[in-house]
PDB file of N, CA and C in Angstrom:
ATOM      1  N   MET A   1     -11.614   2.357  14.968  1.00  0.00           N
ATOM      2  CA  MET A   1     -12.312   3.220  15.143  1.00  0.00           C
ATOM      3  C   MET A   1     -13.879   3.406  16.036  1.00  0.00           C
ATOM      4  N   MET A   2     -13.992   3.461  16.920  1.00  0.00           N
ATOM      5  CA  MET A   2     -14.720   2.931  18.532  1.00  0.00           C
ATOM      6  C   MET A   2     -15.524   4.250  17.621  1.00  0.00           C
ATOM      7  N   VAL A   3     -17.240   3.895  18.880  1.00  0.00           N
ATOM      8  CA  VAL A   3     -18.240   5.404  19.145  1.00  0.00           C
ATOM      9  C   VAL A   3     -18.680   4.351  20.737  1.00  0.00           C
ATOM     10  N   THR A   4     -18.176   4.220  21.956  1.00  0.00           N
ATOM     11  CA  THR A   4     -19.008   3.899  23.475  1.00  0.00           C
ATOM     12  C   THR A   4     -20.401   4.855  22.615  1.00  0.00           C
ATOM     13  N   PRO A   5     -21.065   3.483  23.669  1.00  0.00           N
ATOM     14  CA  PRO A   5     -22.037   3.634  24.738  1.00  0.00           C
ATOM     15  C   PRO A   5     -22.403   5.765  25.098  1.00  0.00           C
ATOM     16  N   SER A   6     -21.519   6.061  25.671  1.00  0.00           N
ATOM     17  CA  SER A   6     -21.631   6.891  26.762  1.00  0.00           C
ATOM     18  C   SER A   6     -21.835   8.001  25.749  1.00  0.00           C
ATOM     19  N   GLN A   7     -21.336   8.296  24.678  1.00  0.00           N
ATOM     20  CA  GLN A   7     -21.884   9.056  23.629  1.00  0.00           C
ATOM     21  C   GLN A   7     -22.583   8.906  22.688  1.00  0.00           C
ATOM     22  N   HIS A   8     -23.688   8.833  22.990  1.00  0.00           N
ATOM     23  CA  HIS A   8     -24.714   8.896  22.942  1.00  0.00           C
ATOM     24  C   HIS A   8     -26.321   9.039  23.505  1.00  0.00           C
ATOM     25  N   THR A   9     -27.390   8.509  23.731  1.00  0.00           N
ATOM     26  CA  THR A   9     -28.385   7.850  24.348  1.00  0.00           C
ATOM     27  C   THR A   9     -29.479   7.466  23.745  1.00  0.00           C
ATOM     28  N   ALA A  10     -30.358   5.993  23.850  1.00  0.00           N
ATOM     29  CA  ALA A  10     -30.973   5.028  23.131  1.00  0.00           C
ATOM     30  C   ALA A  10     -31.739   6.534  22.670  1.00  0.00           C
ATOM     31  N   LYS A  11     -32.669   7.664  23.422  1.00  0.00           N
ATOM     32  CA  LYS A  11     -33.341   8.167  22.560  1.00  0.00           C
ATOM     33  C   LYS A  11     -33.557   9.740  21.718  1.00  0.00           C
ATOM     34  N   ASN A  12     -31.629   9.717  21.671  1.00  0.00           N
ATOM     35  CA  ASN A  12     -31.240  10.295  20.906  1.00  0.00           C
ATOM     36  C   ASN A  12     -30.257   9.441  20.456  1.00  0.00           C
ATOM     37  N   PRO A  13     -30.575   8.839  19.427  1.00  0.00           N
ATOM     38  CA  PRO A  13     -29.150   7.437  19.231  1.00  0.00           C
ATOM     39  C   PRO A  13     -27.666   8.661  17.778  1.00  0.00           C
ATOM     40  N   TRP A  14     -28.173   9.876  17.417  1.00  0.00           N
ATOM     41  CA  TRP A  14     -27.111  10.002  16.043  1.00  0.00           C
ATOM     42  C   TRP A  14     -27.291  11.651  16.685  1.00  0.00           C
ATOM     43  N   ASN A  15     -25.832  11.798  17.668  1.00  0.00           N
ATOM     44  CA  ASN A  15     -25.673  12.958  17.356  1.00  0.00           C
ATOM     45  C   ASN A  15     -24.237  13.630  16.768  1.00  0.00           C
ATOM     46  N   ARG A  16     -23.726  14.943  17.031  1.00  0.00           N
ATOM     47  CA  ARG A  16     -23.303  15.396  16.364  1.00  0.00           C
ATOM     48  C   ARG A  16     -21.196  14.586  16.688  1.00  0.00           C
ATOM     49  N   GLU A  17     -21.491  14.272  16.668  1.00  0.00           N
ATOM     50  CA  GLU A  17     -19.083  12.983  17.503  1.00  0.00           C
ATOM     51  C   GLU A  17     -19.984  12.154  16.050  1.00  0.00           C
ATOM     52  N   LEU A  18     -21.392  11.686  16.910  1.00  0.00           N
ATOM     53  CA  LEU A  18     -20.910  10.431  15.673  1.00  0.00           C
ATOM     54  C   LEU A  18     -21.584  10.411  14.534  1.00  0.00           C
ATOM     55  N   GLU A  19     -21.885  11.607  13.718  1.00  0.00           N
ATOM     56  CA  GLU A  19     -21.449  12.438  11.757  1.00  0.00           C
ATOM     57  C   GLU A  19     -20.792  12.143  12.389  1.00  0.00           C
ATOM     58  N   LEU A  20     -19.801  13.539  12.706  1.00  0.00           N
ATOM     59  CA  LEU A  20     -18.781  13.854  12.337  1.00  0.00           C
ATOM     60  C   LEU A  20     -17.369  12.621  12.275  1.00  0.00           C
ATOM     61  N   VAL A  21     -17.861  11.465  12.790  1.00  0.00           N
ATOM     62  CA  VAL A  21     -17.468   9.539  13.007  1.00  0.00           C
ATOM     63  C   VAL A  21     -17.502   9.026  11.670  1.00  0.00           C
ATOM     64  N   VAL A  22     -18.707   8.938  11.364  1.00  0.00           N
ATOM     65  CA  VAL A  22     -19.004   8.565  10.148  1.00  0.00           C
ATOM     66  C   VAL A  22     -18.127   8.761   8.430  1.00  0.00           C
ATOM     67  N   ARG A  23     -18.780  10.422   8.469  1.00  0.00           N
ATOM     68  CA  ARG A  23     -17.956  11.213   7.907  1.00  0.00           C
ATOM     69  C   ARG A  23     -16.971  10.941   7.148  1.00  0.00           C
ATOM     70  N   GLU A  24     -16.209  11.002   7.889  1.00  0.00           N
ATOM     71  CA  GLU A  24     -15.334  10.889   8.144  1.00  0.00           C
ATOM     72  C   GLU A  24     -14.572   9.303   7.490  1.00  0.00           C
ATOM     73  N   ALA A  25     -14.856   8.823   8.102  1.00  0.00           N
ATOM     74  CA  ALA A  25     -14.771   7.464   7.651  1.00  0.00           C
ATOM     75  C   ALA A  25     -16.006   7.364   5.984  1.00  0.00           C
ATOM     76  N   LEU A  26     -16.906   7.987   5.518  1.00  0.00           N
ATOM     77  CA  LEU A  26     -16.584   7.866   4.453  1.00  0.00           C
ATOM     78  C   LEU A  26     -15.500   8.468   3.486  1.00  0.00           C
ATOM     79  N   GLU A  27     -15.258   9.642   4.060  1.00  0.00           N
ATOM     80  CA  GLU A  27     -14.874  10.936   3.500  1.00  0.00           C
ATOM     81  C   GLU A  27     -12.777   9.653   2.411  1.00  0.00           C
ATOM     82  N   SER A  28     -12.712   8.595   3.519  1.00  0.00           N
ATOM     83  CA  SER A  28     -11.772   8.865   4.201  1.00  0.00           C
ATOM     84  C   SER A  28     -11.372   7.546   2.856  1.00  0.00           C
ATOM     85  N   ILE A  29     -12.511   7.043   2.468  1.00  0.00           N
ATOM     86  CA  ILE A  29     -12.153   5.514   1.331  1.00  0.00           C
ATOM     87  C   ILE A  29     -12.352   6.087   0.019  1.00  0.00           C
ATOM     88  N   ARG A  30     -12.611   5.375  -0.786  1.00  0.00           N
ATOM     89  CA  ARG A  30     -12.396   5.187  -2.157  1.00  0.00           C
ATOM     90  C   ARG A  30     -13.420   4.185  -2.796  1.00  0.00           C
ATOM     91  N   PHE A  31     -13.023   3.060  -2.174  1.00  0.00           N
ATOM     92  CA  PHE A  31     -13.929   1.757  -2.563  1.00  0.00           C
ATOM     93  C   PHE A  31     -14.154   0.835  -1.097  1.00  0.00           C
ATOM     94  N   GLY A  32     -15.032   0.268  -0.791  1.00  0.00           N
ATOM     95  CA  GLY A  32     -15.291  -0.253   0.245  1.00  0.00           C
ATOM     96  C   GLY A  32     -16.425   0.339   1.504  1.00  0.00           C
ATOM     97  N   THR A  33     -16.852   0.114   2.135  1.00  0.00           N
ATOM     98  CA  THR A  33     -17.718  -0.094   3.776  1.00  0.00           C
ATOM     99  C   THR A  33     -17.623   0.261   4.250  1.00  0.00           C
ATOM    100  N   VAL A  34     -18.627   1.206   5.186  1.00  0.00           N
ATOM    101  CA  VAL A  34     -19.398   1.262   6.111  1.00  0.00           C
ATOM    102  C   VAL A  34     -19.991   1.365   7.380  1.00  0.00           C
ATOM    103  N   THR A  35     -20.001   0.790   8.545  1.00  0.00           N
ATOM    104  CA  THR A  35     -21.054  -0.320   8.893  1.00  0.00           C
ATOM    105  C   THR A  35     -21.170   0.720  10.209  1.00  0.00           C
ATOM    106  N   LEU A  36     -22.582   0.829  10.821  1.00  0.00           N
ATOM    107  CA  LEU A  36     -22.267   0.913  11.428  1.00  0.00           C
ATOM    108  C   LEU A  36     -23.246  -0.703  12.875  1.00  0.00           C
ATOM    109  N   VAL A  37     -22.728  -0.162  13.537  1.00  0.00           N
ATOM    110  CA  VAL A  37     -23.822  -1.540  14.529  1.00  0.00           C
ATOM    111  C   VAL A  37     -24.210  -0.833  16.327  1.00  0.00           C
ATOM    112  N   VAL A  38     -25.115  -2.135  15.986  1.00  0.00           N
ATOM    113  CA  VAL A  38     -25.984  -1.033  16.896  1.00  0.00           C
ATOM    114  C   VAL A  38     -26.023  -2.430  17.823  1.00  0.00           C
ATOM    115  N   GLN A  39     -26.817  -2.052  19.180  1.00  0.00           N
ATOM    116  CA  GLN A  39     -26.962  -2.689  20.535  1.00  0.00           C
ATOM    117  C   GLN A  39     -28.304  -1.615  21.271  1.00  0.00           C
ATOM    118  N   ASP A  40     -29.061  -2.752  21.070  1.00  0.00           N
ATOM    119  CA  ASP A  40     -29.986  -1.705  22.326  1.00  0.00           C
ATOM    120  C   ASP A  40     -30.396  -0.282  20.996  1.00  0.00           C
ATOM    121  N   GLY A  41     -30.307  -0.146  20.323  1.00  0.00           N
ATOM    122  CA  GLY A  41     -30.620   0.960  19.762  1.00  0.00           C
ATOM    123  C   GLY A  41     -29.828   2.061  20.072  1.00  0.00           C
ATOM    124  N   ARG A  42     -29.047   1.174  19.929  1.00  0.00           N
ATOM    125  CA  ARG A  42     -27.315   2.993  20.078  1.00  0.00           C
ATOM    126  C   ARG A  42     -26.787   2.193  19.265  1.00  0.00           C
ATOM    127  N   VAL A  43     -25.928   2.553  18.200  1.00  0.00           N
ATOM    128  CA  VAL A  43     -25.201   2.860  17.473  1.00  0.00           C
ATOM    129  C   VAL A  43     -23.587   2.556  18.911  1.00  0.00           C
ATOM    130  N   VAL A  44     -23.039   1.443  18.545  1.00  0.00           N
ATOM    131  CA  VAL A  44     -22.208   1.274  19.437  1.00  0.00           C
ATOM    132  C   VAL A  44     -20.065   0.876  19.121  1.00  0.00           C
ATOM    133  N   GLN A  45     -20.123   0.320  18.050  1.00  0.00           N
ATOM    134  CA  GLN A  45     -18.859   0.003  16.508  1.00  0.00           C
ATOM    135  C   GLN A  45     -19.647   0.599  15.437  1.00  0.00           C
ATOM    136  N   VAL A  46     -18.491   2.322  14.720  1.00  0.00           N
ATOM    137  CA  VAL A  46     -18.054   1.928  13.449  1.00  0.00           C
ATOM    138  C   VAL A  46     -16.917   0.836  12.891  1.00  0.00           C
ATOM    139  N   GLU A  47     -17.812   0.810  12.726  1.00  0.00           N
ATOM    140  CA  GLU A  47     -15.833  -0.976  11.205  1.00  0.00           C
ATOM    141  C   GLU A  47     -16.011   0.653  10.177  1.00  0.00           C
ATOM    142  N   LYS A  48     -15.002   0.300   9.549  1.00  0.00           N
ATOM    143  CA  LYS A  48     -14.873   0.469   7.818  1.00  0.00           C
ATOM    144  C   LYS A  48     -13.937  -0.313   7.205  1.00  0.00           C
ATOM    145  N   ASN A  49     -14.348  -0.862   5.695  1.00  0.00           N
ATOM    146  CA  ASN A  49     -13.924  -1.705   5.041  1.00  0.00           C
ATOM    147  C   ASN A  49     -13.320  -1.737   4.630  1.00  0.00           C
ATOM    148  N   GLU A  50     -13.005  -1.089   4.136  1.00  0.00           N
ATOM    149  CA  GLU A  50     -11.090  -0.838   2.940  1.00  0.00           C
ATOM    150  C   GLU A  50     -10.983  -1.207   1.872  1.00  0.00           C
ATOM    151  N   LYS A  51     -11.135  -1.452   0.384  1.00  0.00           N
ATOM    152  CA  LYS A  51     -11.228  -2.314  -0.955  1.00  0.00           C
ATOM    153  C   LYS A  51      -9.631  -1.589  -1.523  1.00  0.00           C
ATOM    154  N   ILE A  52      -8.996  -2.127  -1.451  1.00  0.00           N
ATOM    155  CA  ILE A  52      -7.571  -1.433  -2.129  1.00  0.00           C
ATOM    156  C   ILE A  52      -7.700  -2.489  -3.961  1.00  0.00           C
ATOM    157  N   ARG A  53      -8.082  -1.418  -5.324  1.00  0.00           N
ATOM    158  CA  ARG A  53      -8.344  -1.867  -6.265  1.00  0.00           C
ATOM    159  C   ARG A  53      -6.031  -1.738  -7.512  1.00  0.00           C
ATOM    160  N   LEU A  54      -5.851  -3.180  -7.852  1.00  0.00           N
ATOM    161  CA  LEU A  54      -4.785  -3.298  -8.409  1.00  0.00           C
ATOM    162  C   LEU A  54      -4.820  -2.805  -9.627  1.00  0.00           C
ATOM    163  N   ASN A  55      -3.853  -1.912 -10.415  1.00  0.00           N
ATOM    164  CA  ASN A  55      -4.601  -2.556 -11.510  1.00  0.00           C
ATOM    165  C   ASN A  55      -3.939  -3.278 -12.787  1.00  0.00           C
ATOM    166  N   ARG A  56      -4.749  -3.995 -12.606  1.00  0.00           N
ATOM    167  CA  ARG A  56      -4.604  -5.773 -14.005  1.00  0.00           C
ATOM    168  C   ARG A  56      -3.595  -5.582 -14.848  1.00  0.00           C
ATOM    169  N   PRO A  57      -2.574  -6.132 -14.753  1.00  0.00           N
ATOM    170  CA  PRO A  57      -1.688  -6.645 -15.796  1.00  0.00           C
ATOM    171  C   PRO A  57      -1.968  -6.315 -17.504  1.00  0.00           C
ATOM    172  N   VAL A  58      -1.698  -6.231 -18.318  1.00  0.00           N
ATOM    173  CA  VAL A  58      -2.544  -6.015 -19.438  1.00  0.00           C
ATOM    174  C   VAL A  58      -2.406  -7.446 -19.525  1.00  0.00           C
ATOM    175  N   ASN A  59      -0.957  -8.339 -19.822  1.00  0.00           N
ATOM    176  CA  ASN A  59      -1.195  -9.716 -20.391  1.00  0.00           C
ATOM    177  C   ASN A  59      -1.573 -10.785 -19.337  1.00  0.00           C
ATOM    178  N   MET A  60      -2.582 -10.561 -18.556  1.00  0.00           N
ATOM    179  CA  MET A  60      -3.057 -11.411 -17.638  1.00  0.00           C
ATOM    180  C   MET A  60      -4.023 -12.996 -18.200  1.00  0.00           C
ATOM    181  N   ASP A  61      -4.313 -13.521 -18.741  1.00  0.00           N
ATOM    182  CA  ASP A  61      -5.229 -14.189 -19.221  1.00  0.00           C
ATOM    183  C   ASP A  61      -5.747 -15.150 -17.626  1.00  0.00           C
ATOM    184  N   GLY A  62      -5.497 -14.787 -16.073  1.00  0.00           N
ATOM    185  CA  GLY A  62      -5.908 -16.016 -16.035  1.00  0.00           C
ATOM    186  C   GLY A  62      -5.456 -17.084 -15.268  1.00  0.00           C
ATOM    187  N   ALA A  63      -4.776 -17.699 -15.877  1.00  0.00           N
ATOM    188  CA  ALA A  63      -4.037 -19.134 -16.344  1.00  0.00           C
ATOM    189  C   ALA A  63      -2.770 -19.278 -14.724  1.00  0.00           C
ATOM    190  N   GLY A  64      -2.373 -17.547 -14.108  1.00  0.00           N
ATOM    191  CA  GLY A  64      -2.144 -18.656 -12.773  1.00  0.00           C
ATOM    192  C   GLY A  64      -0.931 -18.123 -11.870  1.00  0.00           C
ATOM    193  N   ILE A  65       0.523 -17.867 -11.545  1.00  0.00           N
ATOM    194  CA  ILE A  65       1.081 -16.554 -11.216  1.00  0.00           C
ATOM    195  C   ILE A  65       2.614 -17.115 -12.159  1.00  0.00           C
TER     196      ILE A  65
END
């Protein structure tokens, strides 16, 4: 998911399209992070890192597989 610098200006770095991209990223994950990458006062990239939680087996004691 990438936001290009032409989509917003340094004076107004937050616009409706950027807001929608961030909302979509937040709404589409259950566990993880959404990171805004800023250069020269402008958001140039939105990164989404999703964690997938697995159910832990009942008899798993950490002794290996």
